Amino acid sequence: MRKTTWMRGAAALVLALSGALGAARAQGLAEADARFLQAAAGSGTFEVEAAELARQRAESSKVKAYAAKVREQHRAMNGDLKALALRKQVTLPDQPGAPDRRTLEELRNRTGADFDLVYVEKAAVDAHVMANRLYETAARQSEDPEVRDFAVRSLPGVAEHLAMGRALQRDAPAPAGADRIQPPVKGEAPAVSPASREAPASIAPAAK
């Protein structure tokens, strides 16, 4: 009787262990999905750190407002991402990738309008171009339903940040003298803008 009871207990334990191992295996992700989570984590950490630097060093109120929104939204995304990675047993990096770390170092050495120029170009636009591609790919191709759902839910926010960054870039004042026609050298004819009616055919805009 005792032997039969022991055997039944052993069998139940084996079944329980088998089920646990099967559940653990079910958490295993395709390599591409795991890499997406890790890349998204690095990207999100970079955006939060760059936005925090913008809070301290930016001159433009528009850049500060943009950075505040990015910081808040990426913090929320990073929290969701960490919870998802924990469930999927994926170890996330604790810092941005090497190119983004170099950008952060560059931002730490700049202030005011000089900071704004670099932040908008590299954090608001360039980094979000890469993030947008990253999330778009995962939203289409991820094999894991939870990972794909995270990418789908997060993509609109990333796309919005990119659109806002491009708007900041368009509205940024041109560097002093960038569009100014230089005075003519003594003895030469004055410079003519390509948009002017007096512009020769060689530099005038082509007729549409």
N, C-alpha and C. Protein backbone atom coordinates (compact mmCIF):
# COMPACT_ATOMS: atom_id res chain seq x y z
N MET A 1 0.83 -1.20 0.00
CA MET A 1 0.00 0.00 0.00
C MET A 1 0.88 1.26 0.00
N ARG A 2 1.89 1.22 0.91
CA ARG A 2 2.79 2.35 0.97
C ARG A 2 3.56 2.52 -0.33
N LYS A 3 3.96 1.37 -0.95
CA LYS A 3 4.69 1.42 -2.21
C LYS A 3 3.84 2.02 -3.30
N THR A 4 2.56 1.62 -3.34
CA THR A 4 1.66 2.15 -4.36
C THR A 4 1.47 3.65 -4.18
N THR A 5 1.31 4.08 -2.94
CA THR A 5 1.14 5.51 -2.65
C THR A 5 2.38 6.30 -3.06
N TRP A 6 3.56 5.75 -2.76
CA TRP A 6 4.82 6.41 -3.13
C TRP A 6 4.97 6.54 -4.63
N MET A 7 4.59 5.46 -5.35
CA MET A 7 4.71 5.48 -6.80
C MET A 7 3.77 6.51 -7.40
N ARG A 8 2.56 6.60 -6.83
CA ARG A 8 1.61 7.59 -7.34
C ARG A 8 2.14 9.01 -7.09
N GLY A 9 2.73 9.21 -5.90
CA GLY A 9 3.30 10.52 -5.59
C GLY A 9 4.44 10.86 -6.52
N ALA A 10 5.28 9.87 -6.80
CA ALA A 10 6.41 10.10 -7.70
C ALA A 10 5.93 10.43 -9.11
N ALA A 11 4.90 9.71 -9.54
CA ALA A 11 4.36 9.96 -10.88
C ALA A 11 3.78 11.36 -10.97
N ALA A 12 3.09 11.77 -9.91
CA ALA A 12 2.51 13.11 -9.89
C ALA A 12 3.60 14.17 -9.93
N LEU A 13 4.71 13.93 -9.21
CA LEU A 13 5.82 14.87 -9.20
C LEU A 13 6.46 14.99 -10.57
N VAL A 14 6.63 13.85 -11.25
CA VAL A 14 7.20 13.86 -12.60
C VAL A 14 6.31 14.65 -13.55
N LEU A 15 5.01 14.43 -13.45
CA LEU A 15 4.08 15.17 -14.32
C LEU A 15 4.14 16.66 -14.03
N ALA A 16 4.22 17.00 -12.74
CA ALA A 16 4.28 18.41 -12.38
C ALA A 16 5.55 19.06 -12.92
N LEU A 17 6.69 18.36 -12.76
CA LEU A 17 7.95 18.88 -13.27
C LEU A 17 7.92 19.02 -14.78
N SER A 18 7.33 18.04 -15.44
CA SER A 18 7.24 18.10 -16.90
C SER A 18 6.44 19.30 -17.34
N GLY A 19 5.33 19.55 -16.62
CA GLY A 19 4.52 20.72 -16.95
C GLY A 19 5.27 22.01 -16.74
N ALA A 20 6.04 22.07 -15.63
CA ALA A 20 6.81 23.29 -15.34
C ALA A 20 7.88 23.52 -16.40
N LEU A 21 8.56 22.45 -16.80
CA LEU A 21 9.59 22.58 -17.83
C LEU A 21 8.98 23.00 -19.16
N GLY A 22 7.80 22.44 -19.45
CA GLY A 22 7.13 22.83 -20.69
C GLY A 22 6.76 24.29 -20.69
N ALA A 23 6.27 24.78 -19.50
CA ALA A 23 5.93 26.19 -19.40
C ALA A 23 7.15 27.07 -19.57
N ALA A 24 8.29 26.62 -18.99
CA ALA A 24 9.52 27.40 -19.12
C ALA A 24 9.96 27.47 -20.57
N ARG A 25 9.86 26.35 -21.27
CA ARG A 25 10.24 26.34 -22.68
C ARG A 25 9.33 27.25 -23.50
N ALA A 26 8.05 27.32 -23.08
CA ALA A 26 7.10 28.14 -23.83
C ALA A 26 7.47 29.61 -23.79
N GLN A 27 8.24 29.99 -22.75
CA GLN A 27 8.65 31.39 -22.65
C GLN A 27 9.82 31.72 -23.58
N GLY A 28 10.47 30.70 -24.13
CA GLY A 28 11.59 30.94 -25.02
C GLY A 28 11.14 31.69 -26.27
N LEU A 29 11.89 32.76 -26.62
CA LEU A 29 11.52 33.58 -27.76
C LEU A 29 12.41 33.28 -28.96
N ALA A 30 11.89 33.61 -30.13
CA ALA A 30 12.73 33.62 -31.32
C ALA A 30 13.84 34.65 -31.09
N GLU A 31 14.99 34.40 -31.66
CA GLU A 31 16.13 35.29 -31.46
C GLU A 31 15.81 36.73 -31.86
N ALA A 32 15.07 36.88 -32.96
CA ALA A 32 14.74 38.22 -33.42
C ALA A 32 13.87 38.96 -32.41
N ASP A 33 12.95 38.25 -31.76
CA ASP A 33 12.09 38.89 -30.77
C ASP A 33 12.89 39.31 -29.54
N ALA A 34 13.80 38.45 -29.10
CA ALA A 34 14.64 38.80 -27.95
C ALA A 34 15.52 40.01 -28.28
N ARG A 35 16.06 40.04 -29.48
CA ARG A 35 16.90 41.17 -29.88
C ARG A 35 16.09 42.46 -29.96
N PHE A 36 14.85 42.35 -30.40
CA PHE A 36 13.98 43.54 -30.44
C PHE A 36 13.81 44.11 -29.03
N LEU A 37 13.50 43.25 -28.07
CA LEU A 37 13.31 43.73 -26.70
C LEU A 37 14.57 44.40 -26.17
N GLN A 38 15.73 43.83 -26.47
CA GLN A 38 16.98 44.41 -25.99
C GLN A 38 17.28 45.74 -26.69
N ALA A 39 17.05 45.80 -27.99
CA ALA A 39 17.30 47.04 -28.73
C ALA A 39 16.33 48.13 -28.29
N ALA A 40 15.06 47.76 -28.08
CA ALA A 40 14.06 48.73 -27.63
C ALA A 40 14.41 49.27 -26.25
N ALA A 41 14.95 48.40 -25.39
CA ALA A 41 15.35 48.84 -24.05
C ALA A 41 16.49 49.85 -24.13
N GLY A 42 17.49 49.58 -24.96
CA GLY A 42 18.59 50.53 -25.13
C GLY A 42 18.11 51.86 -25.68
N SER A 43 17.22 51.79 -26.66
CA SER A 43 16.67 53.00 -27.28
C SER A 43 15.87 53.81 -26.27
N GLY A 44 15.03 53.12 -25.51
CA GLY A 44 14.21 53.83 -24.53
C GLY A 44 15.02 54.46 -23.42
N THR A 45 16.06 53.77 -22.97
CA THR A 45 16.94 54.33 -21.93
C THR A 45 17.64 55.58 -22.45
N PHE A 46 18.10 55.53 -23.70
CA PHE A 46 18.74 56.69 -24.31
C PHE A 46 17.81 57.88 -24.34
N GLU A 47 16.56 57.67 -24.78
CA GLU A 47 15.63 58.79 -24.91
C GLU A 47 15.34 59.43 -23.56
N VAL A 48 15.20 58.63 -22.51
CA VAL A 48 14.95 59.18 -21.18
C VAL A 48 16.15 59.99 -20.70
N GLU A 49 17.36 59.46 -20.87
CA GLU A 49 18.56 60.16 -20.41
C GLU A 49 18.80 61.44 -21.22
N ALA A 50 18.58 61.38 -22.53
CA ALA A 50 18.76 62.57 -23.36
C ALA A 50 17.72 63.64 -23.01
N ALA A 51 16.49 63.21 -22.74
CA ALA A 51 15.43 64.16 -22.38
C ALA A 51 15.72 64.81 -21.03
N GLU A 52 16.31 64.05 -20.11
CA GLU A 52 16.69 64.62 -18.82
C GLU A 52 17.77 65.67 -18.99
N LEU A 53 18.72 65.42 -19.88
CA LEU A 53 19.74 66.43 -20.18
C LEU A 53 19.10 67.68 -20.80
N ALA A 54 18.09 67.47 -21.65
CA ALA A 54 17.40 68.61 -22.26
C ALA A 54 16.71 69.45 -21.20
N ARG A 55 16.15 68.81 -20.19
CA ARG A 55 15.51 69.54 -19.10
C ARG A 55 16.51 70.47 -18.42
N GLN A 56 17.74 70.04 -18.31
CA GLN A 56 18.77 70.81 -17.61
C GLN A 56 19.48 71.82 -18.51
N ARG A 57 19.65 71.50 -19.80
CA ARG A 57 20.57 72.27 -20.62
C ARG A 57 19.95 72.97 -21.83
N ALA A 58 18.75 72.60 -22.22
CA ALA A 58 18.17 73.20 -23.43
C ALA A 58 17.82 74.66 -23.20
N GLU A 59 17.82 75.41 -24.27
CA GLU A 59 17.46 76.83 -24.22
C GLU A 59 16.03 77.05 -24.68
N SER A 60 15.62 76.37 -25.75
CA SER A 60 14.30 76.57 -26.33
C SER A 60 13.20 75.97 -25.46
N SER A 61 12.14 76.74 -25.25
CA SER A 61 11.00 76.23 -24.48
C SER A 61 10.30 75.09 -25.24
N LYS A 62 10.35 75.14 -26.57
CA LYS A 62 9.74 74.07 -27.37
C LYS A 62 10.53 72.77 -27.22
N VAL A 63 11.84 72.88 -27.19
CA VAL A 63 12.66 71.70 -27.01
C VAL A 63 12.44 71.12 -25.61
N LYS A 64 12.34 71.98 -24.62
CA LYS A 64 12.10 71.51 -23.25
C LYS A 64 10.74 70.81 -23.16
N ALA A 65 9.72 71.36 -23.80
CA ALA A 65 8.38 70.76 -23.75
C ALA A 65 8.39 69.40 -24.46
N TYR A 66 9.07 69.35 -25.60
CA TYR A 66 9.18 68.08 -26.33
C TYR A 66 9.88 67.04 -25.47
N ALA A 67 10.99 67.42 -24.86
CA ALA A 67 11.77 66.49 -24.05
C ALA A 67 10.96 65.98 -22.86
N ALA A 68 10.16 66.85 -22.26
CA ALA A 68 9.34 66.44 -21.11
C ALA A 68 8.32 65.38 -21.53
N LYS A 69 7.72 65.55 -22.69
CA LYS A 69 6.75 64.56 -23.17
C LYS A 69 7.44 63.24 -23.50
N VAL A 70 8.58 63.32 -24.17
CA VAL A 70 9.33 62.11 -24.51
C VAL A 70 9.76 61.37 -23.25
N ARG A 71 10.24 62.11 -22.26
CA ARG A 71 10.69 61.48 -21.01
C ARG A 71 9.54 60.73 -20.32
N GLU A 72 8.40 61.38 -20.23
CA GLU A 72 7.25 60.76 -19.57
C GLU A 72 6.78 59.50 -20.30
N GLN A 73 6.64 59.60 -21.63
CA GLN A 73 6.11 58.48 -22.39
C GLN A 73 7.10 57.32 -22.48
N HIS A 74 8.38 57.63 -22.62
CA HIS A 74 9.37 56.55 -22.70
C HIS A 74 9.56 55.86 -21.34
N ARG A 75 9.39 56.59 -20.27
CA ARG A 75 9.46 55.95 -18.96
C ARG A 75 8.34 54.91 -18.83
N ALA A 76 7.14 55.27 -19.27
CA ALA A 76 6.03 54.32 -19.22
C ALA A 76 6.29 53.12 -20.14
N MET A 77 6.78 53.38 -21.34
CA MET A 77 7.10 52.30 -22.27
C MET A 77 8.19 51.39 -21.70
N ASN A 78 9.20 52.01 -21.07
CA ASN A 78 10.29 51.23 -20.50
C ASN A 78 9.79 50.32 -19.39
N GLY A 79 8.82 50.81 -18.60
CA GLY A 79 8.25 49.98 -17.55
C GLY A 79 7.52 48.77 -18.12
N ASP A 80 6.72 49.00 -19.17
CA ASP A 80 6.00 47.88 -19.82
C ASP A 80 6.99 46.89 -20.43
N LEU A 81 8.05 47.43 -21.02
CA LEU A 81 9.05 46.58 -21.66
C LEU A 81 9.78 45.69 -20.64
N LYS A 82 10.13 46.27 -19.49
CA LYS A 82 10.81 45.49 -18.46
C LYS A 82 9.93 44.36 -17.94
N ALA A 83 8.63 44.66 -17.76
CA ALA A 83 7.71 43.62 -17.29
C ALA A 83 7.58 42.51 -18.32
N LEU A 84 7.51 42.87 -19.59
CA LEU A 84 7.41 41.88 -20.67
C LEU A 84 8.69 41.03 -20.74
N ALA A 85 9.84 41.68 -20.67
CA ALA A 85 11.11 40.95 -20.73
C ALA A 85 11.25 39.98 -19.55
N LEU A 86 10.75 40.39 -18.40
CA LEU A 86 10.80 39.51 -17.23
C LEU A 86 9.97 38.26 -17.46
N ARG A 87 8.79 38.44 -18.02
CA ARG A 87 7.94 37.29 -18.32
C ARG A 87 8.57 36.38 -19.35
N LYS A 88 9.27 36.98 -20.30
CA LYS A 88 9.87 36.21 -21.39
C LYS A 88 11.30 35.75 -21.07
N GLN A 89 11.76 36.07 -19.87
CA GLN A 89 13.09 35.65 -19.43
C GLN A 89 14.20 36.17 -20.34
N VAL A 90 14.07 37.44 -20.73
CA VAL A 90 15.07 38.10 -21.56
C VAL A 90 15.79 39.13 -20.72
N THR A 91 17.11 39.07 -20.70
CA THR A 91 17.91 40.04 -19.95
C THR A 91 18.10 41.29 -20.79
N LEU A 92 17.73 42.44 -20.23
CA LEU A 92 17.82 43.70 -20.96
C LEU A 92 19.11 44.43 -20.60
N PRO A 93 19.64 45.22 -21.53
CA PRO A 93 20.84 46.02 -21.21
C PRO A 93 20.48 47.12 -20.21
N ASP A 94 21.44 47.51 -19.41
CA ASP A 94 21.19 48.56 -18.42
C ASP A 94 21.67 49.92 -18.89
N GLN A 95 22.08 50.03 -20.15
CA GLN A 95 22.51 51.30 -20.71
C GLN A 95 22.29 51.30 -22.22
N PRO A 96 22.28 52.47 -22.84
CA PRO A 96 22.11 52.54 -24.30
C PRO A 96 23.29 51.91 -25.02
N GLY A 97 23.13 51.71 -26.33
CA GLY A 97 24.21 51.20 -27.16
C GLY A 97 25.33 52.23 -27.30
N ALA A 98 26.47 51.79 -27.83
CA ALA A 98 27.65 52.65 -27.92
C ALA A 98 27.41 53.95 -28.68
N PRO A 99 26.74 53.94 -29.86
CA PRO A 99 26.51 55.21 -30.56
C PRO A 99 25.69 56.19 -29.74
N ASP A 100 24.66 55.70 -29.04
CA ASP A 100 23.84 56.58 -28.22
C ASP A 100 24.59 57.08 -27.00
N ARG A 101 25.49 56.28 -26.47
CA ARG A 101 26.31 56.74 -25.34
C ARG A 101 27.23 57.88 -25.79
N ARG A 102 27.73 57.79 -27.02
CA ARG A 102 28.56 58.89 -27.54
C ARG A 102 27.74 60.16 -27.70
N THR A 103 26.49 60.01 -28.15
CA THR A 103 25.62 61.18 -28.28
C THR A 103 25.35 61.81 -26.92
N LEU A 104 25.10 60.99 -25.91
CA LEU A 104 24.87 61.52 -24.56
C LEU A 104 26.10 62.28 -24.07
N GLU A 105 27.27 61.75 -24.34
CA GLU A 105 28.50 62.45 -23.94
C GLU A 105 28.62 63.79 -24.65
N GLU A 106 28.26 63.82 -25.92
CA GLU A 106 28.29 65.07 -26.68
C GLU A 106 27.30 66.07 -26.09
N LEU A 107 26.11 65.59 -25.73
CA LEU A 107 25.10 66.47 -25.16
C LEU A 107 25.53 67.03 -23.80
N ARG A 108 26.24 66.23 -23.04
CA ARG A 108 26.71 66.70 -21.72
C ARG A 108 27.71 67.84 -21.85
N ASN A 109 28.33 67.97 -23.01
CA ASN A 109 29.34 69.01 -23.22
C ASN A 109 28.77 70.24 -23.92
N ARG A 110 27.45 70.30 -24.07
CA ARG A 110 26.83 71.43 -24.76
C ARG A 110 25.73 72.04 -23.89
N THR A 111 25.45 73.31 -24.15
CA THR A 111 24.38 74.01 -23.45
C THR A 111 23.69 74.96 -24.42
N GLY A 112 22.51 75.44 -24.01
CA GLY A 112 21.82 76.47 -24.78
C GLY A 112 21.45 76.05 -26.18
N ALA A 113 21.54 77.01 -27.11
CA ALA A 113 21.15 76.76 -28.49
C ALA A 113 22.01 75.67 -29.13
N ASP A 114 23.26 75.60 -28.72
CA ASP A 114 24.16 74.57 -29.24
C ASP A 114 23.65 73.18 -28.84
N PHE A 115 23.20 73.06 -27.60
CA PHE A 115 22.62 71.80 -27.13
C PHE A 115 21.36 71.48 -27.94
N ASP A 116 20.50 72.47 -28.10
CA ASP A 116 19.23 72.25 -28.81
C ASP A 116 19.46 71.67 -30.20
N LEU A 117 20.45 72.21 -30.90
CA LEU A 117 20.74 71.77 -32.26
C LEU A 117 21.08 70.28 -32.29
N VAL A 118 21.98 69.85 -31.40
CA VAL A 118 22.40 68.45 -31.37
C VAL A 118 21.28 67.55 -30.87
N TYR A 119 20.57 67.98 -29.85
CA TYR A 119 19.49 67.17 -29.29
C TYR A 119 18.40 66.90 -30.32
N VAL A 120 17.98 67.94 -31.02
CA VAL A 120 16.92 67.77 -32.02
C VAL A 120 17.38 66.85 -33.14
N GLU A 121 18.59 67.06 -33.62
CA GLU A 121 19.08 66.26 -34.74
C GLU A 121 19.26 64.78 -34.36
N LYS A 122 19.93 64.55 -33.23
CA LYS A 122 20.35 63.18 -32.93
C LYS A 122 19.39 62.40 -32.04
N ALA A 123 18.72 63.08 -31.10
CA ALA A 123 17.81 62.37 -30.19
C ALA A 123 16.37 62.44 -30.68
N ALA A 124 15.95 63.63 -31.11
CA ALA A 124 14.55 63.79 -31.53
C ALA A 124 14.29 63.18 -32.91
N VAL A 125 15.27 63.30 -33.82
CA VAL A 125 15.04 62.83 -35.20
C VAL A 125 15.78 61.53 -35.48
N ASP A 126 17.10 61.55 -35.50
CA ASP A 126 17.86 60.36 -35.92
C ASP A 126 17.53 59.13 -35.08
N ALA A 127 17.54 59.28 -33.77
CA ALA A 127 17.28 58.12 -32.90
C ALA A 127 15.85 57.62 -33.05
N HIS A 128 14.91 58.53 -33.30
CA HIS A 128 13.52 58.09 -33.46
C HIS A 128 13.27 57.50 -34.85
N VAL A 129 14.06 57.89 -35.84
CA VAL A 129 13.98 57.21 -37.14
C VAL A 129 14.33 55.74 -36.95
N MET A 130 15.41 55.47 -36.24
CA MET A 130 15.83 54.10 -35.99
C MET A 130 14.80 53.35 -35.14
N ALA A 131 14.29 54.01 -34.09
CA ALA A 131 13.30 53.37 -33.22
C ALA A 131 12.02 53.07 -33.98
N ASN A 132 11.61 53.98 -34.85
CA ASN A 132 10.40 53.77 -35.62
C ASN A 132 10.52 52.53 -36.51
N ARG A 133 11.69 52.39 -37.16
CA ARG A 133 11.93 51.21 -37.99
C ARG A 133 11.93 49.95 -37.14
N LEU A 134 12.54 50.02 -35.97
CA LEU A 134 12.62 48.89 -35.06
C LEU A 134 11.23 48.41 -34.66
N TYR A 135 10.38 49.33 -34.25
CA TYR A 135 9.03 48.97 -33.80
C TYR A 135 8.14 48.54 -34.97
N GLU A 136 8.30 49.18 -36.11
CA GLU A 136 7.51 48.78 -37.29
C GLU A 136 7.82 47.34 -37.67
N THR A 137 9.10 46.98 -37.67
CA THR A 137 9.49 45.62 -38.03
C THR A 137 8.92 44.61 -37.04
N ALA A 138 9.03 44.91 -35.75
CA ALA A 138 8.51 43.98 -34.74
C ALA A 138 6.99 43.87 -34.82
N ALA A 139 6.32 44.98 -35.11
CA ALA A 139 4.86 44.95 -35.20
C ALA A 139 4.40 44.07 -36.35
N ARG A 140 5.21 43.97 -37.41
CA ARG A 140 4.85 43.14 -38.56
C ARG A 140 5.32 41.70 -38.42
N GLN A 141 6.52 41.51 -37.86
CA GLN A 141 7.18 40.23 -38.00
C GLN A 141 7.36 39.43 -36.72
N SER A 142 7.10 40.00 -35.56
CA SER A 142 7.34 39.27 -34.32
C SER A 142 6.51 38.00 -34.26
N GLU A 143 7.14 36.92 -33.82
CA GLU A 143 6.46 35.64 -33.73
C GLU A 143 5.68 35.49 -32.43
N ASP A 144 6.10 36.21 -31.40
CA ASP A 144 5.44 36.09 -30.10
C ASP A 144 4.27 37.09 -30.02
N PRO A 145 3.07 36.66 -29.67
CA PRO A 145 1.92 37.57 -29.65
C PRO A 145 2.08 38.74 -28.67
N GLU A 146 2.66 38.49 -27.51
CA GLU A 146 2.83 39.57 -26.53
C GLU A 146 3.86 40.59 -26.99
N VAL A 147 4.94 40.10 -27.56
CA VAL A 147 5.96 41.01 -28.08
C VAL A 147 5.39 41.84 -29.22
N ARG A 148 4.66 41.18 -30.11
CA ARG A 148 4.05 41.90 -31.23
C ARG A 148 3.04 42.94 -30.74
N ASP A 149 2.25 42.57 -29.73
CA ASP A 149 1.27 43.51 -29.18
C ASP A 149 1.96 44.72 -28.56
N PHE A 150 3.06 44.49 -27.85
CA PHE A 150 3.81 45.61 -27.28
C PHE A 150 4.30 46.55 -28.37
N ALA A 151 4.84 45.99 -29.45
CA ALA A 151 5.34 46.81 -30.55
C ALA A 151 4.21 47.60 -31.20
N VAL A 152 3.07 46.95 -31.41
CA VAL A 152 1.92 47.61 -32.04
C VAL A 152 1.42 48.76 -31.17
N ARG A 153 1.34 48.53 -29.85
CA ARG A 153 0.84 49.56 -28.94
C ARG A 153 1.81 50.72 -28.80
N SER A 154 3.10 50.45 -28.90
CA SER A 154 4.11 51.48 -28.68
C SER A 154 4.42 52.29 -29.93
N LEU A 155 4.20 51.70 -31.09
CA LEU A 155 4.59 52.34 -32.35
C LEU A 155 3.98 53.73 -32.55
N PRO A 156 2.69 53.96 -32.27
CA PRO A 156 2.14 55.31 -32.49
C PRO A 156 2.87 56.39 -31.68
N GLY A 157 3.26 56.07 -30.45
CA GLY A 157 3.99 57.04 -29.64
C GLY A 157 5.35 57.35 -30.22
N VAL A 158 6.05 56.32 -30.68
CA VAL A 158 7.37 56.52 -31.29
C VAL A 158 7.24 57.35 -32.56
N ALA A 159 6.23 57.04 -33.37
CA ALA A 159 6.00 57.79 -34.61
C ALA A 159 5.66 59.25 -34.32
N GLU A 160 4.89 59.48 -33.25
CA GLU A 160 4.55 60.85 -32.87
C GLU A 160 5.80 61.63 -32.44
N HIS A 161 6.66 60.98 -31.67
CA HIS A 161 7.90 61.64 -31.26
C HIS A 161 8.75 62.02 -32.47
N LEU A 162 8.80 61.13 -33.47
CA LEU A 162 9.56 61.42 -34.67
C LEU A 162 8.96 62.60 -35.43
N ALA A 163 7.65 62.62 -35.57
CA ALA A 163 6.99 63.72 -36.28
C ALA A 163 7.22 65.05 -35.56
N MET A 164 7.12 65.03 -34.25
CA MET A 164 7.36 66.25 -33.47
C MET A 164 8.82 66.69 -33.58
N GLY A 165 9.74 65.73 -33.58
CA GLY A 165 11.14 66.05 -33.73
C GLY A 165 11.44 66.70 -35.08
N ARG A 166 10.82 66.18 -36.13
CA ARG A 166 11.02 66.76 -37.46
C ARG A 166 10.44 68.17 -37.53
N ALA A 167 9.32 68.39 -36.85
CA ALA A 167 8.75 69.74 -36.81
C ALA A 167 9.69 70.71 -36.10
N LEU A 168 10.30 70.26 -35.01
CA LEU A 168 11.29 71.10 -34.32
C LEU A 168 12.47 71.41 -35.23
N GLN A 169 12.89 70.41 -35.98
CA GLN A 169 14.03 70.60 -36.89
C GLN A 169 13.69 71.60 -37.98
N ARG A 170 12.47 71.53 -38.51
CA ARG A 170 12.05 72.49 -39.56
C ARG A 170 11.96 73.91 -39.01
N ASP A 171 11.50 74.03 -37.77
CA ASP A 171 11.27 75.35 -37.18
C ASP A 171 12.52 75.97 -36.58
N ALA A 172 13.59 75.19 -36.50
CA ALA A 172 14.82 75.70 -35.87
C ALA A 172 15.38 76.84 -36.70
N PRO A 173 15.83 77.92 -36.06
CA PRO A 173 16.42 79.04 -36.82
C PRO A 173 17.70 78.60 -37.50
N ALA A 174 17.90 79.10 -38.71
CA ALA A 174 19.12 78.78 -39.45
C ALA A 174 20.32 79.43 -38.77
N PRO A 175 21.48 78.81 -38.86
CA PRO A 175 22.69 79.43 -38.29
C PRO A 175 22.90 80.82 -38.87
N ALA A 176 23.42 81.71 -38.07
CA ALA A 176 23.61 83.10 -38.50
C ALA A 176 24.38 83.16 -39.80
N GLY A 177 23.82 83.89 -40.77
CA GLY A 177 24.50 84.09 -42.04
C GLY A 177 24.36 82.97 -43.03
N ALA A 178 23.57 81.91 -42.69
CA ALA A 178 23.51 80.75 -43.57
C ALA A 178 22.89 81.08 -44.90
N ASP A 179 21.83 81.93 -44.88
CA ASP A 179 21.13 82.26 -46.13
C ASP A 179 21.44 83.67 -46.61
N ARG A 180 22.42 84.29 -45.98
CA ARG A 180 22.71 85.68 -46.32
C ARG A 180 23.66 85.73 -47.52
N ILE A 181 23.32 86.57 -48.50
CA ILE A 181 24.19 86.74 -49.67
C ILE A 181 25.35 87.65 -49.28
N GLN A 182 26.54 87.19 -49.51
CA GLN A 182 27.72 87.95 -49.12
C GLN A 182 27.88 89.18 -50.03
N PRO A 183 28.37 90.29 -49.48
CA PRO A 183 28.58 91.49 -50.31
C PRO A 183 29.62 91.21 -51.39
N PRO A 184 29.48 91.87 -52.54
CA PRO A 184 30.41 91.61 -53.65
C PRO A 184 31.80 92.14 -53.36
N VAL A 185 32.77 91.45 -53.92
CA VAL A 185 34.14 91.94 -53.85
C VAL A 185 34.24 93.17 -54.76
N LYS A 186 35.07 94.13 -54.36
CA LYS A 186 35.19 95.36 -55.13
C LYS A 186 35.54 95.05 -56.59
N GLY A 187 34.74 95.65 -57.48
CA GLY A 187 34.98 95.45 -58.90
C GLY A 187 34.14 94.33 -59.49
N GLU A 188 33.41 93.56 -58.66
CA GLU A 188 32.56 92.49 -59.17
C GLU A 188 31.10 92.89 -59.09
N ALA A 189 30.29 92.26 -59.91
CA ALA A 189 28.85 92.52 -59.87
C ALA A 189 28.28 91.95 -58.58
N PRO A 190 27.23 92.59 -58.01
CA PRO A 190 26.63 92.08 -56.79
C PRO A 190 26.05 90.70 -56.98
N ALA A 191 26.07 89.91 -55.90
CA ALA A 191 25.51 88.55 -55.96
C ALA A 191 24.00 88.63 -56.13
N VAL A 192 23.45 87.62 -56.80
CA VAL A 192 22.01 87.58 -57.07
C VAL A 192 21.44 86.30 -56.52
N SER A 193 20.32 86.39 -55.84
CA SER A 193 19.66 85.20 -55.33
C SER A 193 19.10 84.39 -56.48
N PRO A 194 19.14 83.04 -56.43
CA PRO A 194 18.56 82.20 -57.48
C PRO A 194 17.08 82.44 -57.67
N ALA A 195 16.40 82.97 -56.64
CA ALA A 195 14.96 83.21 -56.76
C ALA A 195 14.65 84.55 -57.41
N SER A 196 15.68 85.37 -57.60
CA SER A 196 15.45 86.71 -58.15
C SER A 196 15.15 86.65 -59.63
N ARG A 197 14.36 87.63 -60.11
CA ARG A 197 14.05 87.71 -61.54
C ARG A 197 15.30 88.06 -62.36
N GLU A 198 16.26 88.67 -61.69
CA GLU A 198 17.49 89.07 -62.38
C GLU A 198 18.50 87.91 -62.46
N ALA A 199 18.17 86.78 -61.89
CA ALA A 199 19.13 85.67 -61.86
C ALA A 199 19.33 85.13 -63.27
N PRO A 200 20.59 84.87 -63.67
CA PRO A 200 20.84 84.29 -64.99
C PRO A 200 20.31 82.86 -65.04
N ALA A 201 20.14 82.35 -66.25
CA ALA A 201 19.55 81.01 -66.44
C ALA A 201 20.37 79.92 -65.77
N SER A 202 21.68 80.16 -65.59
CA SER A 202 22.55 79.13 -65.04
C SER A 202 22.25 78.84 -63.58
N ILE A 203 21.66 79.82 -62.84
CA ILE A 203 21.38 79.57 -61.43
C ILE A 203 19.89 79.70 -61.09
N ALA A 204 19.11 80.22 -62.00
CA ALA A 204 17.68 80.36 -61.72
C ALA A 204 17.02 79.02 -61.60
N PRO A 205 15.99 78.89 -60.73
CA PRO A 205 15.28 77.63 -60.60
C PRO A 205 14.67 77.20 -61.93
N ALA A 206 14.68 75.92 -62.23
CA ALA A 206 14.08 75.42 -63.47
C ALA A 206 12.59 75.65 -63.47
N ALA A 207 12.06 76.06 -64.62
CA ALA A 207 10.61 76.27 -64.74
C ALA A 207 9.87 74.95 -64.66
N LYS A 208 8.72 74.96 -63.96
CA LYS A 208 7.93 73.74 -63.81
C LYS A 208 6.86 73.65 -64.90
